[in-house]
N, C-alpha and C. Protein backbone atom coordinates (compact mmCIF):
# COMPACT_ATOMS: atom_id res chain seq x y z
N UNK A 1 10.60 -5.96 -3.62
CA UNK A 1 10.73 -5.85 -2.29
C UNK A 1 8.68 -5.51 -2.09
N UNK A 2 8.33 -5.79 -0.76
CA UNK A 2 7.34 -5.35 -0.14
C UNK A 2 7.36 -3.53 0.60
N UNK A 3 6.08 -2.77 0.00
CA UNK A 3 5.98 -1.38 0.54
C UNK A 3 5.96 -1.63 2.08
N UNK A 4 6.76 -1.00 2.68
CA UNK A 4 7.23 -0.99 4.01
C UNK A 4 6.99 0.58 4.59
N UNK A 5 6.52 0.59 5.76
CA UNK A 5 6.74 1.72 6.75
C UNK A 5 7.42 1.52 7.77
N UNK A 6 7.37 2.61 8.56
CA UNK A 6 8.60 2.37 9.98
C UNK A 6 9.44 1.85 10.02
N UNK A 7 9.62 0.77 11.06
CA UNK A 7 10.89 0.17 11.31
C UNK A 7 10.51 -1.52 10.27
N UNK A 8 10.04 -1.15 8.83
CA UNK A 8 10.27 -1.93 7.76
C UNK A 8 9.10 -3.31 8.39
N UNK A 9 7.87 -2.76 9.10
CA UNK A 9 6.43 -3.63 8.79
C UNK A 9 5.85 -3.60 7.55
N UNK A 10 5.72 -4.22 6.95
CA UNK A 10 5.22 -4.79 5.63
C UNK A 10 3.36 -4.35 5.97
N UNK A 11 2.49 -3.55 5.36
CA UNK A 11 1.65 -3.10 5.41
C UNK A 11 0.51 -4.53 5.21
N UNK A 12 -0.34 -4.67 6.01
CA UNK A 12 -0.75 -5.77 5.63
C UNK A 12 -1.87 -6.02 4.07
N UNK A 13 -2.23 -5.26 3.66
CA UNK A 13 -2.54 -5.02 2.40
C UNK A 13 -1.88 -5.47 1.48
N UNK A 14 -0.67 -5.44 1.73
CA UNK A 14 0.47 -5.98 0.99
C UNK A 14 1.53 -7.23 1.35
N UNK A 15 0.75 -7.68 2.25
CA UNK A 15 1.37 -8.94 2.66
C UNK A 15 1.85 -10.04 1.34
N UNK A 16 0.47 -9.99 0.35
CA UNK A 16 0.81 -11.09 -0.56
C UNK A 16 1.99 -10.67 -1.49
N UNK A 17 2.79 -10.21 -1.27
CA UNK A 17 4.01 -9.93 -2.00
C UNK A 17 4.88 -10.81 -1.31
N UNK A 18 4.95 -11.13 -0.13
CA UNK A 18 6.19 -11.89 0.80
C UNK A 18 5.01 -12.96 0.60
N UNK A 19 3.77 -13.55 0.37
CA UNK A 19 3.39 -14.81 0.26
C UNK A 19 3.50 -15.62 -1.05
N UNK A 20 3.95 -14.76 -2.28
CA UNK A 20 4.20 -15.14 -3.48
C UNK A 20 5.54 -15.69 -3.60
N UNK A 21 6.41 -14.46 -3.08
CA UNK A 21 7.75 -15.31 -2.96
C UNK A 21 8.04 -16.79 -2.09
N UNK A 22 7.13 -16.64 -0.80
CA UNK A 22 7.15 -17.72 -0.17
C UNK A 22 7.08 -18.88 -1.25
N UNK A 23 5.85 -18.98 -2.02
CA UNK A 23 5.18 -19.62 -2.48
C UNK A 23 6.13 -20.61 -3.59
N UNK A 24 7.09 -19.34 -4.19
CA UNK A 24 8.11 -19.78 -5.22
C UNK A 24 9.21 -20.75 -4.50
N UNK A 25 9.39 -20.76 -2.83
CA UNK A 25 10.15 -21.41 -2.30
C UNK A 25 9.19 -22.77 -1.77
N UNK A 26 8.37 -22.78 -1.68
CA UNK A 26 7.83 -24.17 -1.09
C UNK A 26 7.60 -24.62 -2.32
N UNK A 27 7.55 -23.90 -3.66
CA UNK A 27 7.39 -24.84 -5.21
C UNK A 27 9.04 -25.79 -5.30
N UNK A 28 9.65 -25.01 -4.78
CA UNK A 28 11.10 -25.11 -5.37
C UNK A 28 11.08 -26.44 -4.47
N UNK A 29 10.91 -26.24 -2.93
CA UNK A 29 11.55 -27.23 -2.55
C UNK A 29 10.54 -28.93 -2.02
N UNK A 30 9.01 -28.49 -2.22
CA UNK A 30 8.08 -29.19 -1.88
C UNK A 30 7.02 -29.55 -3.16
N UNK A 31 7.51 -28.76 -4.18
CA UNK A 31 6.35 -29.26 -5.01
C UNK A 31 5.61 -28.01 -5.56
N UNK A 32 4.68 -28.19 -6.54
CA UNK A 32 3.82 -27.06 -7.19
C UNK A 32 2.73 -27.60 -6.18
N UNK A 33 1.73 -28.66 -6.02
CA UNK A 33 0.91 -29.03 -5.85
C UNK A 33 1.16 -28.65 -4.34
N UNK A 34 2.24 -28.49 -3.45
CA UNK A 34 2.01 -27.78 -1.87
C UNK A 34 2.17 -26.19 -2.18
N UNK A 35 2.84 -25.96 -3.22
CA UNK A 35 2.79 -24.28 -2.89
C UNK A 35 1.15 -23.71 -3.64
N UNK A 36 0.36 -24.90 -4.69
CA UNK A 36 -0.88 -23.93 -4.68
C UNK A 36 -1.51 -23.96 -3.43
N UNK A 37 -1.75 -25.28 -3.01
CA UNK A 37 -2.31 -25.18 -1.89
C UNK A 37 -2.16 -24.12 -0.70
N UNK A 38 -0.59 -23.58 -0.52
CA UNK A 38 -0.32 -22.67 0.09
C UNK A 38 -0.89 -21.51 -0.13
N UNK A 39 -0.62 -20.88 -1.50
CA UNK A 39 -0.80 -19.77 -2.08
C UNK A 39 -2.55 -19.53 -2.58
N UNK A 40 -3.26 -20.56 -3.39
CA UNK A 40 -4.35 -20.43 -3.65
C UNK A 40 -5.04 -20.83 -2.48
N UNK A 41 -4.81 -21.75 -2.18
CA UNK A 41 -6.14 -23.00 -1.19
C UNK A 41 -5.88 -21.89 0.08
N UNK A 42 -5.08 -21.39 0.82
CA UNK A 42 -4.99 -20.88 1.73
C UNK A 42 -4.77 -19.25 1.79
N UNK A 43 -3.68 -18.22 1.11
CA UNK A 43 -3.43 -17.11 1.31
C UNK A 43 -4.45 -16.31 0.41
N UNK A 44 -4.62 -16.62 -0.96
CA UNK A 44 -5.68 -15.96 -1.96
C UNK A 44 -6.97 -15.88 -1.33
N UNK A 45 -7.30 -17.12 -0.83
CA UNK A 45 -8.66 -17.15 -0.46
C UNK A 45 -9.01 -16.13 1.01
N UNK A 46 -7.95 -16.41 2.06
CA UNK A 46 -8.40 -15.47 3.50
C UNK A 46 -8.00 -14.02 2.84
N UNK A 47 -7.14 -13.62 1.64
CA UNK A 47 -6.49 -12.20 1.11
C UNK A 47 -8.63 -11.85 0.79
N UNK A 48 -9.48 -12.68 -0.22
CA UNK A 48 -10.71 -12.38 -0.79
C UNK A 48 -11.49 -12.02 0.39
N UNK A 49 -11.22 -12.65 1.31
CA UNK A 49 -12.52 -12.84 2.45
C UNK A 49 -12.11 -11.32 3.24
N UNK A 50 -10.83 -10.76 3.50
CA UNK A 50 -10.47 -9.72 3.80
C UNK A 50 -11.00 -8.60 3.32
N UNK A 51 -10.84 -8.98 2.08
CA UNK A 51 -11.43 -8.08 0.77
C UNK A 51 -12.71 -7.75 0.71
N UNK A 52 -13.46 -8.59 1.46
CA UNK A 52 -14.87 -7.67 1.43
C UNK A 52 -15.25 -6.87 2.55
N UNK A 53 -14.41 -6.94 2.86
CA UNK A 53 -14.91 -5.51 4.08
C UNK A 53 -13.47 -4.30 4.35
N UNK A 54 -12.65 -4.90 2.99
CA UNK A 54 -11.54 -3.63 3.66
C UNK A 54 -10.92 -3.27 2.16
N UNK A 55 -11.17 -2.00 1.63
CA UNK A 55 -11.17 -1.44 0.65
C UNK A 55 -9.48 -1.55 -0.04
N UNK A 56 -8.65 -1.57 1.06
CA UNK A 56 -6.89 -1.79 0.92
C UNK A 56 -6.90 -2.78 0.06
N UNK A 57 -7.65 -4.06 1.02
CA UNK A 57 -7.46 -5.50 0.26
C UNK A 57 -8.16 -5.20 -1.10
N UNK A 58 -9.06 -4.52 -1.44
CA UNK A 58 -9.85 -5.01 -2.53
C UNK A 58 -8.96 -4.06 -3.74
N UNK A 59 -8.15 -3.58 -3.43
CA UNK A 59 -7.43 -2.95 -4.23
C UNK A 59 -6.25 -3.57 -4.53
N UNK A 60 -5.66 -4.17 -3.60
CA UNK A 60 -4.53 -5.17 -4.21
C UNK A 60 -5.30 -6.61 -4.99
N UNK A 61 -6.34 -6.51 -5.14
CA UNK A 61 -6.63 -8.10 -5.80
C UNK A 61 -6.14 -8.16 -7.17
N UNK A 62 -6.26 -7.48 -8.16
CA UNK A 62 -5.51 -7.25 -9.23
C UNK A 62 -4.04 -7.17 -9.19
N UNK A 63 -3.37 -6.84 -8.46
CA UNK A 63 -2.00 -7.31 -8.51
C UNK A 63 -1.25 -8.18 -8.04
N UNK A 64 -2.30 -8.73 -6.92
CA UNK A 64 -1.97 -10.27 -6.59
C UNK A 64 -2.26 -11.12 -7.58
N UNK A 65 -3.43 -11.36 -8.16
CA UNK A 65 -4.14 -12.13 -9.24
C UNK A 65 -2.64 -12.26 -10.26
N UNK A 66 -2.28 -10.83 -10.73
CA UNK A 66 -1.08 -11.07 -11.45
C UNK A 66 -0.05 -11.73 -11.21
N UNK A 67 0.39 -11.32 -9.90
CA UNK A 67 1.46 -12.11 -9.88
C UNK A 67 1.54 -13.45 -9.18
N UNK A 68 0.46 -14.20 -9.24
CA UNK A 68 0.48 -15.59 -9.30
C UNK A 68 0.08 -16.14 -10.51
N UNK A 69 -0.21 -15.46 -11.45
CA UNK A 69 -0.34 -15.87 -12.71
C UNK A 69 0.94 -16.01 -13.47
N UNK A 70 2.41 -15.17 -12.75
CA UNK A 70 3.35 -15.48 -13.19
C UNK A 70 4.00 -16.37 -12.30
N UNK A 71 3.47 -16.70 -11.81
CA UNK A 71 4.20 -18.41 -10.75
C UNK A 71 3.85 -19.39 -11.43
N UNK A 72 2.93 -19.56 -11.40
CA UNK A 72 2.12 -21.18 -12.18
C UNK A 72 1.27 -20.61 -13.36
N UNK A 73 1.22 -21.95 -13.81
CA UNK A 73 0.43 -21.73 -15.24
C UNK A 73 -0.60 -21.80 -15.24
N UNK A 74 -1.35 -21.67 -16.38
CA UNK A 74 -3.01 -21.60 -16.32
C UNK A 74 -3.63 -23.18 -15.82
N UNK A 75 -3.05 -23.87 -16.82
CA UNK A 75 -3.60 -24.97 -16.59
C UNK A 75 -3.28 -25.97 -15.05
N UNK A 76 -2.27 -25.26 -14.40
CA UNK A 76 -2.09 -25.76 -12.94
C UNK A 76 -3.34 -24.81 -11.86
N UNK A 77 -3.54 -24.06 -12.55
CA UNK A 77 -4.68 -23.12 -11.73
C UNK A 77 -6.02 -23.59 -11.85
N UNK A 78 -6.04 -24.48 -13.11
CA UNK A 78 -7.15 -25.07 -13.76
C UNK A 78 -7.49 -26.47 -12.46
N UNK A 79 -6.36 -27.19 -12.44
CA UNK A 79 -6.54 -28.48 -12.02
C UNK A 79 -6.27 -28.16 -10.50
N UNK A 80 -5.64 -27.36 -9.79
CA UNK A 80 -5.76 -27.21 -8.23
C UNK A 80 -7.54 -26.65 -8.42
N UNK A 81 -8.05 -25.57 -8.54
CA UNK A 81 -9.07 -24.90 -8.39
C UNK A 81 -10.39 -25.84 -8.67
N UNK A 82 -10.20 -27.29 -9.42
CA UNK A 82 -11.23 -28.53 -9.50
C UNK A 82 -11.41 -29.20 -7.76
N UNK A 83 -9.96 -28.95 -7.44
CA UNK A 83 -10.24 -29.77 -5.97
C UNK A 83 -10.03 -29.34 -4.74
N UNK A 84 -9.92 -27.73 -5.14
CA UNK A 84 -9.99 -26.83 -4.25
C UNK A 84 -10.98 -27.02 -3.07
N UNK A 85 -10.97 -26.80 -1.89
CA UNK A 85 -11.60 -26.91 -0.57
C UNK A 85 -12.51 -28.39 -0.48
N UNK A 86 -12.13 -29.38 -1.40
CA UNK A 86 -12.84 -30.70 -1.23
C UNK A 86 -12.46 -31.40 0.12
N UNK A 87 -13.50 -31.83 0.67
CA UNK A 87 -13.22 -32.53 2.21
C UNK A 87 -14.16 -33.40 2.22
N UNK A 88 -13.95 -34.25 3.44
CA UNK A 88 -14.23 -35.44 3.73
C UNK A 88 -16.00 -35.03 4.19
N UNK A 89 -16.72 -36.25 3.85
CA UNK A 89 -18.42 -35.85 4.57
C UNK A 89 -18.12 -35.80 5.89
N UNK A 90 -18.81 -35.04 6.34
CA UNK A 90 -19.20 -35.17 7.64
C UNK A 90 -19.51 -36.41 8.18
N UNK A 91 -18.97 -36.48 9.64
CA UNK A 91 -19.14 -37.79 10.48
C UNK A 91 -19.58 -37.65 11.53
N UNK A 92 -20.98 -37.94 11.63
CA UNK A 92 -21.75 -37.78 12.97
C UNK A 92 -21.03 -38.69 14.75
N UNK A 93 -20.24 -39.72 14.02
CA UNK A 93 -19.80 -40.61 14.78
C UNK A 93 -19.04 -40.37 15.40
N UNK A 94 -18.14 -39.02 15.04
CA UNK A 94 -17.42 -38.50 15.42
C UNK A 94 -17.63 -37.39 16.82
N UNK A 95 -18.83 -37.82 16.98
CA UNK A 95 -19.26 -36.75 18.49
C UNK A 95 -19.94 -37.60 19.57
N UNK A 96 -19.63 -37.64 20.58
CA UNK A 96 -20.73 -38.38 21.81
C UNK A 96 -22.08 -38.15 21.73
N UNK A 97 -22.20 -36.76 21.53
CA UNK A 97 -23.71 -36.33 21.65
C UNK A 97 -24.45 -36.24 20.49
N UNK A 98 -25.57 -36.44 20.46
CA UNK A 98 -26.27 -36.15 18.69
C UNK A 98 -26.26 -35.02 18.45
N UNK A 99 -26.70 -34.06 19.77
CA UNK A 99 -26.99 -32.50 19.71
C UNK A 99 -25.52 -31.75 19.22
N UNK A 100 -24.72 -32.47 19.68
CA UNK A 100 -23.68 -31.33 19.42
C UNK A 100 -23.31 -31.80 18.07
N UNK A 101 -23.47 -33.54 17.67
CA UNK A 101 -23.15 -33.67 16.32
C UNK A 101 -23.67 -32.88 14.86
N UNK A 102 -25.28 -32.62 15.53
CA UNK A 102 -25.89 -31.68 14.73
C UNK A 102 -25.57 -30.02 14.67
N UNK A 103 -25.14 -29.76 15.84
CA UNK A 103 -24.65 -28.44 15.67
C UNK A 103 -23.56 -28.08 15.02
N UNK A 104 -22.38 -29.11 15.13
CA UNK A 104 -21.35 -29.19 14.10
C UNK A 104 -21.58 -29.25 12.93
N UNK A 105 -22.46 -30.14 12.47
CA UNK A 105 -22.90 -30.40 10.65
C UNK A 105 -23.66 -29.02 10.42
N UNK A 106 -24.06 -28.50 11.03
CA UNK A 106 -24.45 -27.14 10.81
C UNK A 106 -23.76 -26.23 10.28
N UNK A 107 -22.76 -26.00 11.46
CA UNK A 107 -21.49 -25.12 11.64
C UNK A 107 -20.79 -25.50 10.72
N UNK A 108 -20.38 -26.66 10.04
CA UNK A 108 -19.49 -27.40 8.68
C UNK A 108 -20.06 -26.76 8.00
N UNK A 109 -21.43 -27.17 7.57
CA UNK A 109 -22.15 -26.86 6.37
C UNK A 109 -21.76 -25.06 6.24
N UNK A 110 -22.19 -24.52 6.99
CA UNK A 110 -22.14 -22.70 6.75
C UNK A 110 -20.94 -22.64 6.41
N UNK A 111 -19.67 -23.01 6.96
CA UNK A 111 -18.50 -23.02 6.97
C UNK A 111 -17.79 -23.32 5.13
N UNK A 112 -18.59 -24.45 5.17
CA UNK A 112 -18.07 -25.08 3.67
C UNK A 112 -18.72 -23.87 2.57
N UNK A 113 -20.25 -24.00 2.60
CA UNK A 113 -20.75 -22.36 1.66
C UNK A 113 -19.92 -21.40 1.65
N UNK A 114 -19.67 -20.88 2.92
CA UNK A 114 -18.38 -19.45 2.80
C UNK A 114 -17.02 -19.70 1.87
N UNK A 115 -16.78 -20.88 2.22
CA UNK A 115 -15.42 -21.28 1.56
C UNK A 115 -15.78 -21.54 -0.02
N UNK A 116 -16.54 -22.15 -0.05
CA UNK A 116 -16.65 -22.78 -1.63
C UNK A 116 -17.37 -21.06 -2.63
N UNK A 117 -17.97 -20.46 -2.15
CA UNK A 117 -17.67 -19.27 -2.45
C UNK A 117 -16.66 -17.89 -2.70
N UNK A 118 -15.69 -18.33 -1.65
CA UNK A 118 -14.69 -17.92 -1.60
C UNK A 118 -13.56 -18.32 -3.08
N UNK A 119 -13.93 -19.58 -2.89
CA UNK A 119 -12.83 -20.55 -3.99
C UNK A 119 -13.15 -20.08 -5.16
N UNK A 120 -14.86 -19.77 -5.66
CA UNK A 120 -15.41 -19.28 -7.12
C UNK A 120 -14.81 -17.70 -6.94
N UNK A 121 -14.97 -17.15 -6.33
CA UNK A 121 -14.68 -15.77 -6.77
C UNK A 121 -12.64 -16.23 -6.70
N UNK A 122 -12.04 -16.54 -6.30
CA UNK A 122 -10.56 -16.90 -6.68
C UNK A 122 -10.83 -17.28 -8.35
N UNK A 123 -12.05 -18.44 -8.69
CA UNK A 123 -11.65 -19.00 -9.67
C UNK A 123 -11.94 -17.92 -10.44
N UNK A 124 -12.73 -16.94 -10.20
CA UNK A 124 -13.21 -15.88 -11.28
C UNK A 124 -12.03 -14.85 -11.52
N UNK A 125 -11.45 -14.68 -10.54
CA UNK A 125 -10.52 -13.76 -10.55
C UNK A 125 -9.12 -14.33 -11.19
N UNK A 126 -8.76 -15.75 -10.57
CA UNK A 126 -7.44 -16.46 -11.26
C UNK A 126 -7.65 -16.65 -13.05
N UNK A 127 -8.77 -17.41 -13.46
CA UNK A 127 -9.26 -17.79 -14.73
C UNK A 127 -10.14 -16.74 -15.52
N UNK A 128 -10.36 -15.98 -15.19
CA UNK A 128 -10.90 -14.51 -15.86
C UNK A 128 -12.22 -15.02 -16.05
N UNK A 129 -13.35 -16.07 -15.34
CA UNK A 129 -14.27 -16.08 -15.74
C UNK A 129 -14.29 -17.19 -16.57
N UNK A 130 -13.28 -18.04 -16.99
CA UNK A 130 -13.13 -19.49 -18.06
C UNK A 130 -13.22 -20.30 -17.24
N UNK A 131 -13.59 -21.47 -17.76
CA UNK A 131 -13.05 -22.76 -16.87
C UNK A 131 -12.29 -23.69 -17.69
């Protein structure tokens, strides 16, 4: 059960415990790929991002990673991390204005680069530097 204080409020940096439990339910109901997308593609990436600026989150990374490794097999993590954050190519035709399209393209490049770095950090943690 997650560590709590006050009236049962979970300490934010310990939220991973609930997220791991939720992933188990998602896997049982919707399958492994959905559970991986939820826990790795969303929650662990967000957690690593928060850990960049918060020592409480950084301190929880090893425990979070250990728990993830009890939920999924190594080969499942490897396969998922190969496709994590792959997106469709940017389409400037989705914008009416060329200047707006260029601004969005640059923002998308910046977001994609930041997300790729987080995925690589997740890969390092989850696969211990091995591929």
